[in-house]
Amino acid sequence: MIEVRVRERDRSLEGVVVDDGRGFDVDQAPAPSDAPLHVGLQAARERVEIAGGSFAVRSAPGAGTTVEFGIPIPG
C-alpha cells in the first residue's frame, strides 16, 4: 500500500508519501542493492531544499517509510 497526499496551505505546497514496505534504518548507509532508492530520496531532498523547503524521512526496518515535504509557493 502507498498513500500520497498533497495540499496547498499557508502559501506552501505540502506533501506526504507513506508506504507499508520493508522500511530501512535511516541512520545506516544503504546497502549496494538499496543505493538507487537512497539516491532518489537524496535527489528529492536536494530539490526541495533548493526551493527553500523542508524534507523529512521516517522509516524503520519492517515498518514502512514516510516522506514529508513542504515547498513555499512564490508570489
PDB file of N, CA and C in Angstrom:
ATOM      1  N   MET A   1       0.834  -1.161   0.000  1.00  0.00           N
ATOM      2  CA  MET A   1       0.000   0.000   0.000  1.00  0.00           C
ATOM      3  C   MET A   1       0.889   1.239   0.000  1.00  0.00           C
ATOM      4  N   ILE A   2       0.455   2.232  -0.754  1.00  0.00           N
ATOM      5  CA  ILE A   2       1.120   3.537  -0.733  1.00  0.00           C
ATOM      6  C   ILE A   2       0.039   4.601  -0.709  1.00  0.00           C
ATOM      7  N   GLU A   3       0.276   5.629   0.076  1.00  0.00           N
ATOM      8  CA  GLU A   3      -0.666   6.735   0.186  1.00  0.00           C
ATOM      9  C   GLU A   3       0.100   8.013  -0.121  1.00  0.00           C
ATOM     10  N   VAL A   4      -0.482   8.854  -0.970  1.00  0.00           N
ATOM     11  CA  VAL A   4       0.135  10.124  -1.341  1.00  0.00           C
ATOM     12  C   VAL A   4      -0.886  11.230  -1.081  1.00  0.00           C
ATOM     13  N   ARG A   5      -0.480  12.222  -0.308  1.00  0.00           N
ATOM     14  CA  ARG A   5      -1.343  13.376  -0.029  1.00  0.00           C
ATOM     15  C   ARG A   5      -0.563  14.638  -0.356  1.00  0.00           C
ATOM     16  N   VAL A   6      -1.204  15.548  -1.077  1.00  0.00           N
ATOM     17  CA  VAL A   6      -0.604  16.840  -1.405  1.00  0.00           C
ATOM     18  C   VAL A   6      -1.677  17.894  -1.205  1.00  0.00           C
ATOM     19  N   ARG A   7      -1.289  19.017  -0.585  1.00  0.00           N
ATOM     20  CA  ARG A   7      -2.244  20.097  -0.399  1.00  0.00           C
ATOM     21  C   ARG A   7      -1.513  21.437  -0.388  1.00  0.00           C
ATOM     22  N   GLU A   8      -2.264  22.476  -0.700  1.00  0.00           N
ATOM     23  CA  GLU A   8      -1.752  23.834  -0.586  1.00  0.00           C
ATOM     24  C   GLU A   8      -2.223  24.387   0.758  1.00  0.00           C
ATOM     25  N   ARG A   9      -1.290  24.965   1.500  1.00  0.00           N
ATOM     26  CA  ARG A   9      -1.629  25.518   2.806  1.00  0.00           C
ATOM     27  C   ARG A   9      -0.654  26.631   3.161  1.00  0.00           C
ATOM     28  N   ASP A  10      -1.195  27.761   3.552  1.00  0.00           N
ATOM     29  CA  ASP A  10      -0.378  28.885   4.019  1.00  0.00           C
ATOM     30  C   ASP A  10       0.774  29.212   3.068  1.00  0.00           C
ATOM     31  N   ARG A  11       0.444  29.395   1.805  1.00  0.00           N
ATOM     32  CA  ARG A  11       1.442  29.752   0.771  1.00  0.00           C
ATOM     33  C   ARG A  11       2.549  28.720   0.612  1.00  0.00           C
ATOM     34  N   SER A  12       2.204  27.451   0.832  1.00  0.00           N
ATOM     35  CA  SER A  12       3.176  26.382   0.579  1.00  0.00           C
ATOM     36  C   SER A  12       2.453  25.150   0.051  1.00  0.00           C
ATOM     37  N   LEU A  13       3.207  24.313  -0.587  1.00  0.00           N
ATOM     38  CA  LEU A  13       2.735  23.020  -1.069  1.00  0.00           C
ATOM     39  C   LEU A  13       3.283  21.979  -0.108  1.00  0.00           C
ATOM     40  N   GLU A  14       2.401  21.214   0.524  1.00  0.00           N
ATOM     41  CA  GLU A  14       2.815  20.205   1.495  1.00  0.00           C
ATOM     42  C   GLU A  14       2.477  18.829   0.947  1.00  0.00           C
ATOM     43  N   GLY A  15       3.371  17.893   1.147  1.00  0.00           N
ATOM     44  CA  GLY A  15       3.138  16.536   0.671  1.00  0.00           C
ATOM     45  C   GLY A  15       3.586  15.496   1.678  1.00  0.00           C
ATOM     46  N   VAL A  16       2.893  14.353   1.652  1.00  0.00           N
ATOM     47  CA  VAL A  16       3.230  13.207   2.489  1.00  0.00           C
ATOM     48  C   VAL A  16       3.090  11.963   1.628  1.00  0.00           C
ATOM     49  N   VAL A  17       4.105  11.119   1.658  1.00  0.00           N
ATOM     50  CA  VAL A  17       4.065   9.825   0.978  1.00  0.00           C
ATOM     51  C   VAL A  17       4.336   8.764   2.044  1.00  0.00           C
ATOM     52  N   VAL A  18       3.409   7.817   2.182  1.00  0.00           N
ATOM     53  CA  VAL A  18       3.519   6.766   3.193  1.00  0.00           C
ATOM     54  C   VAL A  18       3.416   5.421   2.486  1.00  0.00           C
ATOM     55  N   ASP A  19       4.325   4.513   2.809  1.00  0.00           N
ATOM     56  CA  ASP A  19       4.193   3.153   2.290  1.00  0.00           C
ATOM     57  C   ASP A  19       4.333   2.148   3.422  1.00  0.00           C
ATOM     58  N   ASP A  20       3.825   0.958   3.172  1.00  0.00           N
ATOM     59  CA  ASP A  20       3.914  -0.100   4.179  1.00  0.00           C
ATOM     60  C   ASP A  20       4.939  -1.156   3.765  1.00  0.00           C
ATOM     61  N   GLY A  21       5.985  -0.696   3.068  1.00  0.00           N
ATOM     62  CA  GLY A  21       7.029  -1.595   2.586  1.00  0.00           C
ATOM     63  C   GLY A  21       7.952  -2.073   3.685  1.00  0.00           C
ATOM     64  N   ARG A  22       9.108  -2.531   3.264  1.00  0.00           N
ATOM     65  CA  ARG A  22      10.042  -3.143   4.220  1.00  0.00           C
ATOM     66  C   ARG A  22      10.774  -2.141   5.096  1.00  0.00           C
ATOM     67  N   GLY A  23      10.761  -0.867   4.716  1.00  0.00           N
ATOM     68  CA  GLY A  23      11.424   0.153   5.504  1.00  0.00           C
ATOM     69  C   GLY A  23      12.934  -0.020   5.533  1.00  0.00           C
ATOM     70  N   PHE A  24      13.605   0.877   6.236  1.00  0.00           N
ATOM     71  CA  PHE A  24      15.065   0.835   6.349  1.00  0.00           C
ATOM     72  C   PHE A  24      15.479   1.691   7.530  1.00  0.00           C
ATOM     73  N   ASP A  25      16.692   1.524   7.971  1.00  0.00           N
ATOM     74  CA  ASP A  25      17.240   2.326   9.056  1.00  0.00           C
ATOM     75  C   ASP A  25      17.804   3.609   8.447  1.00  0.00           C
ATOM     76  N   VAL A  26      17.180   4.737   8.707  1.00  0.00           N
ATOM     77  CA  VAL A  26      17.614   5.986   8.084  1.00  0.00           C
ATOM     78  C   VAL A  26      18.985   6.445   8.559  1.00  0.00           C
ATOM     79  N   ASP A  27      19.486   5.885   9.654  1.00  0.00           N
ATOM     80  CA  ASP A  27      20.799   6.266  10.180  1.00  0.00           C
ATOM     81  C   ASP A  27      21.939   5.411   9.639  1.00  0.00           C
ATOM     82  N   GLN A  28      21.633   4.378   8.871  1.00  0.00           N
ATOM     83  CA  GLN A  28      22.651   3.479   8.328  1.00  0.00           C
ATOM     84  C   GLN A  28      22.899   3.784   6.855  1.00  0.00           C
ATOM     85  N   ALA A  29      24.121   3.578   6.415  1.00  0.00           N
ATOM     86  CA  ALA A  29      24.442   3.716   4.993  1.00  0.00           C
ATOM     87  C   ALA A  29      23.687   2.636   4.216  1.00  0.00           C
ATOM     88  N   PRO A  30      23.179   2.952   3.033  1.00  0.00           N
ATOM     89  CA  PRO A  30      22.433   1.958   2.270  1.00  0.00           C
ATOM     90  C   PRO A  30      23.307   0.821   1.763  1.00  0.00           C
ATOM     91  N   ALA A  31      22.721  -0.352   1.699  1.00  0.00           N
ATOM     92  CA  ALA A  31      23.397  -1.486   1.063  1.00  0.00           C
ATOM     93  C   ALA A  31      23.456  -1.209  -0.433  1.00  0.00           C
ATOM     94  N   PRO A  32      24.433  -1.785  -1.152  1.00  0.00           N
ATOM     95  CA  PRO A  32      24.530  -1.522  -2.589  1.00  0.00           C
ATOM     96  C   PRO A  32      23.225  -1.785  -3.335  1.00  0.00           C
ATOM     97  N   SER A  33      22.482  -2.816  -2.948  1.00  0.00           N
ATOM     98  CA  SER A  33      21.235  -3.107  -3.653  1.00  0.00           C
ATOM     99  C   SER A  33      20.170  -2.052  -3.383  1.00  0.00           C
ATOM    100  N   ASP A  34      20.307  -1.277  -2.309  1.00  0.00           N
ATOM    101  CA  ASP A  34      19.344  -0.234  -1.973  1.00  0.00           C
ATOM    102  C   ASP A  34      19.786   1.147  -2.451  1.00  0.00           C
ATOM    103  N   ALA A  35      20.979   1.245  -2.977  1.00  0.00           N
ATOM    104  CA  ALA A  35      21.530   2.551  -3.339  1.00  0.00           C
ATOM    105  C   ALA A  35      20.609   3.362  -4.253  1.00  0.00           C
ATOM    106  N   PRO A  36      19.974   2.789  -5.287  1.00  0.00           N
ATOM    107  CA  PRO A  36      19.094   3.624  -6.124  1.00  0.00           C
ATOM    108  C   PRO A  36      17.957   4.254  -5.322  1.00  0.00           C
ATOM    109  N   LEU A  37      17.404   3.543  -4.363  1.00  0.00           N
ATOM    110  CA  LEU A  37      16.338   4.091  -3.522  1.00  0.00           C
ATOM    111  C   LEU A  37      16.850   5.300  -2.759  1.00  0.00           C
ATOM    112  N   HIS A  38      17.976   5.162  -2.110  1.00  0.00           N
ATOM    113  CA  HIS A  38      18.504   6.247  -1.291  1.00  0.00           C
ATOM    114  C   HIS A  38      18.995   7.408  -2.142  1.00  0.00           C
ATOM    115  N   VAL A  39      19.509   7.132  -3.320  1.00  0.00           N
ATOM    116  CA  VAL A  39      19.909   8.214  -4.224  1.00  0.00           C
ATOM    117  C   VAL A  39      18.675   9.005  -4.630  1.00  0.00           C
ATOM    118  N   GLY A  40      17.558   8.330  -4.860  1.00  0.00           N
ATOM    119  CA  GLY A  40      16.310   9.010  -5.209  1.00  0.00           C
ATOM    120  C   GLY A  40      15.822   9.898  -4.081  1.00  0.00           C
ATOM    121  N   LEU A  41      15.889   9.406  -2.849  1.00  0.00           N
ATOM    122  CA  LEU A  41      15.490  10.222  -1.707  1.00  0.00           C
ATOM    123  C   LEU A  41      16.419  11.417  -1.543  1.00  0.00           C
ATOM    124  N   GLN A  42      17.706  11.217  -1.731  1.00  0.00           N
ATOM    125  CA  GLN A  42      18.663  12.321  -1.615  1.00  0.00           C
ATOM    126  C   GLN A  42      18.411  13.363  -2.694  1.00  0.00           C
ATOM    127  N   ALA A  43      18.129  12.922  -3.914  1.00  0.00           N
ATOM    128  CA  ALA A  43      17.839  13.867  -5.003  1.00  0.00           C
ATOM    129  C   ALA A  43      16.570  14.656  -4.706  1.00  0.00           C
ATOM    130  N   ALA A  44      15.544  13.997  -4.180  1.00  0.00           N
ATOM    131  CA  ALA A  44      14.305  14.693  -3.823  1.00  0.00           C
ATOM    132  C   ALA A  44      14.578  15.721  -2.733  1.00  0.00           C
ATOM    133  N   ARG A  45      15.345  15.338  -1.709  1.00  0.00           N
ATOM    134  CA  ARG A  45      15.693  16.264  -0.627  1.00  0.00           C
ATOM    135  C   ARG A  45      16.408  17.496  -1.182  1.00  0.00           C
ATOM    136  N   GLU A  46      17.384  17.284  -2.050  1.00  0.00           N
ATOM    137  CA  GLU A  46      18.142  18.403  -2.613  1.00  0.00           C
ATOM    138  C   GLU A  46      17.246  19.358  -3.372  1.00  0.00           C
ATOM    139  N   ARG A  47      16.323  18.835  -4.161  1.00  0.00           N
ATOM    140  CA  ARG A  47      15.435  19.689  -4.954  1.00  0.00           C
ATOM    141  C   ARG A  47      14.500  20.495  -4.049  1.00  0.00           C
ATOM    142  N   VAL A  48      13.965  19.856  -3.027  1.00  0.00           N
ATOM    143  CA  VAL A  48      13.086  20.555  -2.091  1.00  0.00           C
ATOM    144  C   VAL A  48      13.868  21.646  -1.358  1.00  0.00           C
ATOM    145  N   GLU A  49      15.065  21.340  -0.908  1.00  0.00           N
ATOM    146  CA  GLU A  49      15.857  22.332  -0.177  1.00  0.00           C
ATOM    147  C   GLU A  49      16.302  23.481  -1.076  1.00  0.00           C
ATOM    148  N   ILE A  50      16.601  23.202  -2.342  1.00  0.00           N
ATOM    149  CA  ILE A  50      16.945  24.270  -3.294  1.00  0.00           C
ATOM    150  C   ILE A  50      15.770  25.230  -3.448  1.00  0.00           C
ATOM    151  N   ALA A  51      14.556  24.687  -3.382  1.00  0.00           N
ATOM    152  CA  ALA A  51      13.351  25.502  -3.499  1.00  0.00           C
ATOM    153  C   ALA A  51      13.003  26.207  -2.188  1.00  0.00           C
ATOM    154  N   GLY A  52      13.844  26.031  -1.155  1.00  0.00           N
ATOM    155  CA  GLY A  52      13.616  26.681   0.126  1.00  0.00           C
ATOM    156  C   GLY A  52      12.652  25.943   1.040  1.00  0.00           C
ATOM    157  N   GLY A  53      12.464  24.656   0.767  1.00  0.00           N
ATOM    158  CA  GLY A  53      11.508  23.877   1.543  1.00  0.00           C
ATOM    159  C   GLY A  53      12.139  22.983   2.586  1.00  0.00           C
ATOM    160  N   SER A  54      11.299  22.139   3.150  1.00  0.00           N
ATOM    161  CA  SER A  54      11.731  21.182   4.174  1.00  0.00           C
ATOM    162  C   SER A  54      11.423  19.765   3.701  1.00  0.00           C
ATOM    163  N   PHE A  55      12.206  18.802   4.196  1.00  0.00           N
ATOM    164  CA  PHE A  55      12.093  17.411   3.751  1.00  0.00           C
ATOM    165  C   PHE A  55      12.461  16.516   4.922  1.00  0.00           C
ATOM    166  N   ALA A  56      11.639  15.517   5.194  1.00  0.00           N
ATOM    167  CA  ALA A  56      11.911  14.601   6.299  1.00  0.00           C
ATOM    168  C   ALA A  56      11.543  13.177   5.891  1.00  0.00           C
ATOM    169  N   VAL A  57      12.363  12.223   6.341  1.00  0.00           N
ATOM    170  CA  VAL A  57      12.108  10.799   6.096  1.00  0.00           C
ATOM    171  C   VAL A  57      12.090  10.090   7.441  1.00  0.00           C
ATOM    172  N   ARG A  58      11.033   9.316   7.662  1.00  0.00           N
ATOM    173  CA  ARG A  58      10.947   8.456   8.848  1.00  0.00           C
ATOM    174  C   ARG A  58      10.744   7.040   8.348  1.00  0.00           C
ATOM    175  N   SER A  59      11.531   6.123   8.876  1.00  0.00           N
ATOM    176  CA  SER A  59      11.434   4.728   8.466  1.00  0.00           C
ATOM    177  C   SER A  59      12.107   3.862   9.516  1.00  0.00           C
ATOM    178  N   ALA A  60      11.788   2.592   9.481  1.00  0.00           N
ATOM    179  CA  ALA A  60      12.443   1.601  10.327  1.00  0.00           C
ATOM    180  C   ALA A  60      12.285   0.254   9.640  1.00  0.00           C
ATOM    181  N   PRO A  61      13.259  -0.624   9.784  1.00  0.00           N
ATOM    182  CA  PRO A  61      13.141  -1.939   9.159  1.00  0.00           C
ATOM    183  C   PRO A  61      11.827  -2.621   9.547  1.00  0.00           C
ATOM    184  N   GLY A  62      11.104  -3.070   8.538  1.00  0.00           N
ATOM    185  CA  GLY A  62       9.842  -3.758   8.748  1.00  0.00           C
ATOM    186  C   GLY A  62       8.662  -2.852   9.043  1.00  0.00           C
ATOM    187  N   ALA A  63       8.866  -1.533   9.012  1.00  0.00           N
ATOM    188  CA  ALA A  63       7.802  -0.616   9.423  1.00  0.00           C
ATOM    189  C   ALA A  63       7.398   0.380   8.345  1.00  0.00           C
ATOM    190  N   GLY A  64       7.811   0.189   7.109  1.00  0.00           N
ATOM    191  CA  GLY A  64       7.439   1.136   6.063  1.00  0.00           C
ATOM    192  C   GLY A  64       8.211   2.431   6.164  1.00  0.00           C
ATOM    193  N   THR A  65       7.805   3.397   5.325  1.00  0.00           N
ATOM    194  CA  THR A  65       8.513   4.673   5.226  1.00  0.00           C
ATOM    195  C   THR A  65       7.513   5.800   5.062  1.00  0.00           C
ATOM    196  N   THR A  66       7.814   6.943   5.677  1.00  0.00           N
ATOM    197  CA  THR A  66       7.027   8.160   5.499  1.00  0.00           C
ATOM    198  C   THR A  66       7.977   9.264   5.061  1.00  0.00           C
ATOM    199  N   VAL A  67       7.618   9.949   3.983  1.00  0.00           N
ATOM    200  CA  VAL A  67       8.382  11.094   3.489  1.00  0.00           C
ATOM    201  C   VAL A  67       7.436  12.288   3.527  1.00  0.00           C
ATOM    202  N   GLU A  68       7.883  13.380   4.167  1.00  0.00           N
ATOM    203  CA  GLU A  68       7.103  14.606   4.243  1.00  0.00           C
ATOM    204  C   GLU A  68       7.925  15.748   3.664  1.00  0.00           C
ATOM    205  N   PHE A  69       7.251  16.635   2.928  1.00  0.00           N
ATOM    206  CA  PHE A  69       7.956  17.791   2.385  1.00  0.00           C
ATOM    207  C   PHE A  69       7.027  18.999   2.388  1.00  0.00           C
ATOM    208  N   GLY A  70       7.645  20.157   2.386  1.00  0.00           N
ATOM    209  CA  GLY A  70       6.933  21.420   2.249  1.00  0.00           C
ATOM    210  C   GLY A  70       7.754  22.339   1.361  1.00  0.00           C
ATOM    211  N   ILE A  71       7.092  22.963   0.403  1.00  0.00           N
ATOM    212  CA  ILE A  71       7.774  23.851  -0.542  1.00  0.00           C
ATOM    213  C   ILE A  71       7.023  25.167  -0.574  1.00  0.00           C
ATOM    214  N   PRO A  72       7.692  26.300  -0.323  1.00  0.00           N
ATOM    215  CA  PRO A  72       6.993  27.588  -0.394  1.00  0.00           C
ATOM    216  C   PRO A  72       6.539  27.891  -1.824  1.00  0.00           C
ATOM    217  N   ILE A  73       5.377  28.502  -1.928  1.00  0.00           N
ATOM    218  CA  ILE A  73       4.852  28.911  -3.237  1.00  0.00           C
ATOM    219  C   ILE A  73       5.249  30.356  -3.447  1.00  0.00           C
ATOM    220  N   PRO A  74       6.041  30.625  -4.498  1.00  0.00           N
ATOM    221  CA  PRO A  74       6.463  32.005  -4.743  1.00  0.00           C
ATOM    222  C   PRO A  74       5.265  32.886  -5.089  1.00  0.00           C
ATOM    223  N   GLY A  75       5.395  34.155  -4.793  1.00  0.00           N
ATOM    224  CA  GLY A  75       4.329  35.019  -5.235  1.00  0.00           C
ATOM    225  C   GLY A  75       4.197  36.212  -4.446  1.00  0.00           C
TER     226      GLY A  75
END
